[in-house]
Amino acid sequence: MSLDADAILDATGLNCPEPVMMLHNKVRDLAAGTLLKVIATDPSTRRDIPKFCLFLGHELVQQEEEAGTYLYWIRKKME
């Protein structure tokens, strides 16, 4: 199942900590309730992105893995 995202962050080819740093900057610029799709290739994002969401209060709506690409749908918390 794929969700329609309001914004996309492509972090393919980047390694830890760059995907989460980019995610932090991107989320800061989004409106509350926005659905962001993150595309990454670094396996450490499987650990880092859920922790990021939990720590900052964003909702990890869905995550998938497709042939070495990791997909995340994150809803920015309501402020």
C-alpha atoms as a PDB file:
ATOM      1  CA  MET A   1       0.000   0.000   0.000  1.00  0.00           C
ATOM      2  CA  SER A   2       1.295   3.418  -0.917  1.00  0.00           C
ATOM      3  CA  LEU A   3       0.197   6.695   0.626  1.00  0.00           C
ATOM      4  CA  ASP A   4      -0.051  10.033  -1.169  1.00  0.00           C
ATOM      5  CA  ALA A   5       2.578  12.258   0.395  1.00  0.00           C
ATOM      6  CA  ASP A   6       2.404  16.043   0.579  1.00  0.00           C
ATOM      7  CA  ALA A   7       6.210  16.266   0.321  1.00  0.00           C
ATOM      8  CA  ILE A   8       9.108  13.942  -0.533  1.00  0.00           C
ATOM      9  CA  LEU A   9      12.625  13.766   0.890  1.00  0.00           C
ATOM     10  CA  ASP A  10      15.030  11.766  -1.272  1.00  0.00           C
ATOM     11  CA  ALA A  11      18.016  10.661   0.819  1.00  0.00           C
ATOM     12  CA  THR A  12      19.172   7.897  -1.507  1.00  0.00           C
ATOM     13  CA  GLY A  13      22.914   7.352  -1.530  1.00  0.00           C
ATOM     14  CA  LEU A  14      23.430   9.126   1.792  1.00  0.00           C
ATOM     15  CA  ASN A  15      24.771   7.424   4.911  1.00  0.00           C
ATOM     16  CA  CYS A  16      24.182   7.966   8.614  1.00  0.00           C
ATOM     17  CA  PRO A  17      23.745  10.594   9.981  1.00  0.00           C
ATOM     18  CA  GLU A  18      22.858  12.525   6.791  1.00  0.00           C
ATOM     19  CA  PRO A  19      19.349  11.086   6.152  1.00  0.00           C
ATOM     20  CA  VAL A  20      18.144  11.950   9.661  1.00  0.00           C
ATOM     21  CA  MET A  21      19.794  15.370   9.564  1.00  0.00           C
ATOM     22  CA  MET A  22      18.026  16.097   6.259  1.00  0.00           C
ATOM     23  CA  LEU A  23      14.772  14.755   7.713  1.00  0.00           C
ATOM     24  CA  HIS A  24      15.079  17.052  10.725  1.00  0.00           C
ATOM     25  CA  ASN A  25      15.563  20.095   8.475  1.00  0.00           C
ATOM     26  CA  LYS A  26      12.743  19.101   6.116  1.00  0.00           C
ATOM     27  CA  VAL A  27      10.203  18.465   8.902  1.00  0.00           C
ATOM     28  CA  ARG A  28      10.980  21.848  10.416  1.00  0.00           C
ATOM     29  CA  ASP A  29       9.805  23.540   7.198  1.00  0.00           C
ATOM     30  CA  LEU A  30       6.539  21.566   6.883  1.00  0.00           C
ATOM     31  CA  ALA A  31       3.118  22.519   8.206  1.00  0.00           C
ATOM     32  CA  ALA A  32       1.669  20.501  11.085  1.00  0.00           C
ATOM     33  CA  GLY A  33      -0.139  17.384   9.883  1.00  0.00           C
ATOM     34  CA  THR A  34       1.790  17.206   6.599  1.00  0.00           C
ATOM     35  CA  LEU A  35       2.576  13.712   5.298  1.00  0.00           C
ATOM     36  CA  LEU A  36       6.218  13.353   4.251  1.00  0.00           C
ATOM     37  CA  LYS A  37       7.605  10.438   2.252  1.00  0.00           C
ATOM     38  CA  VAL A  38      11.274   9.647   2.872  1.00  0.00           C
ATOM     39  CA  ILE A  39      13.275   7.540   0.419  1.00  0.00           C
ATOM     40  CA  ALA A  40      16.580   6.168   1.732  1.00  0.00           C
ATOM     41  CA  THR A  41      19.135   3.474   0.952  1.00  0.00           C
ATOM     42  CA  ASP A  42      21.022   3.418   4.260  1.00  0.00           C
ATOM     43  CA  PRO A  43      19.926   0.386   6.335  1.00  0.00           C
ATOM     44  CA  SER A  44      20.550   2.329   9.566  1.00  0.00           C
ATOM     45  CA  THR A  45      17.442   4.394   8.769  1.00  0.00           C
ATOM     46  CA  ARG A  46      15.377   1.363   9.860  1.00  0.00           C
ATOM     47  CA  ARG A  47      16.546   2.162  13.394  1.00  0.00           C
ATOM     48  CA  ASP A  48      17.124   5.906  13.186  1.00  0.00           C
ATOM     49  CA  ILE A  49      13.899   7.144  11.586  1.00  0.00           C
ATOM     50  CA  PRO A  50      11.496   5.356  13.982  1.00  0.00           C
ATOM     51  CA  LYS A  51      13.556   6.694  16.919  1.00  0.00           C
ATOM     52  CA  PHE A  52      13.499  10.184  15.412  1.00  0.00           C
ATOM     53  CA  CYS A  53       9.693  10.056  15.163  1.00  0.00           C
ATOM     54  CA  LEU A  54       9.267   8.692  18.678  1.00  0.00           C
ATOM     55  CA  PHE A  55      11.630  11.245  20.202  1.00  0.00           C
ATOM     56  CA  LEU A  56      10.099  14.274  18.457  1.00  0.00           C
ATOM     57  CA  GLY A  57       6.452  13.154  18.516  1.00  0.00           C
ATOM     58  CA  HIS A  58       5.884  12.662  14.791  1.00  0.00           C
ATOM     59  CA  GLU A  59       3.786   9.720  13.562  1.00  0.00           C
ATOM     60  CA  LEU A  60       5.530   7.004  11.564  1.00  0.00           C
ATOM     61  CA  VAL A  61       2.498   6.083   9.481  1.00  0.00           C
ATOM     62  CA  GLN A  62       4.129   3.365   7.411  1.00  0.00           C
ATOM     63  CA  GLN A  63       7.491   1.946   6.426  1.00  0.00           C
ATOM     64  CA  GLU A  64       8.445  -0.433   3.630  1.00  0.00           C
ATOM     65  CA  GLU A  65      11.526  -1.967   2.084  1.00  0.00           C
ATOM     66  CA  GLU A  66      11.791  -2.547  -1.654  1.00  0.00           C
ATOM     67  CA  ALA A  67      14.998  -4.055  -3.053  1.00  0.00           C
ATOM     68  CA  GLY A  68      17.382  -2.172  -0.755  1.00  0.00           C
ATOM     69  CA  THR A  69      15.363   1.045  -0.744  1.00  0.00           C
ATOM     70  CA  TYR A  70      13.665   2.053   2.484  1.00  0.00           C
ATOM     71  CA  LEU A  71      10.453   4.053   2.340  1.00  0.00           C
ATOM     72  CA  TYR A  72       8.902   5.938   5.243  1.00  0.00           C
ATOM     73  CA  TRP A  73       5.716   7.965   5.549  1.00  0.00           C
ATOM     74  CA  ILE A  74       5.867  10.420   8.435  1.00  0.00           C
ATOM     75  CA  ARG A  75       3.082  12.737   9.581  1.00  0.00           C
ATOM     76  CA  LYS A  76       4.376  15.874  11.256  1.00  0.00           C
ATOM     77  CA  LYS A  77       2.949  16.310  14.726  1.00  0.00           C
ATOM     78  CA  MET A  78       0.220  18.812  15.340  1.00  0.00           C
ATOM     79  CA  GLU A  79       1.694  21.834  17.065  1.00  0.00           C
END
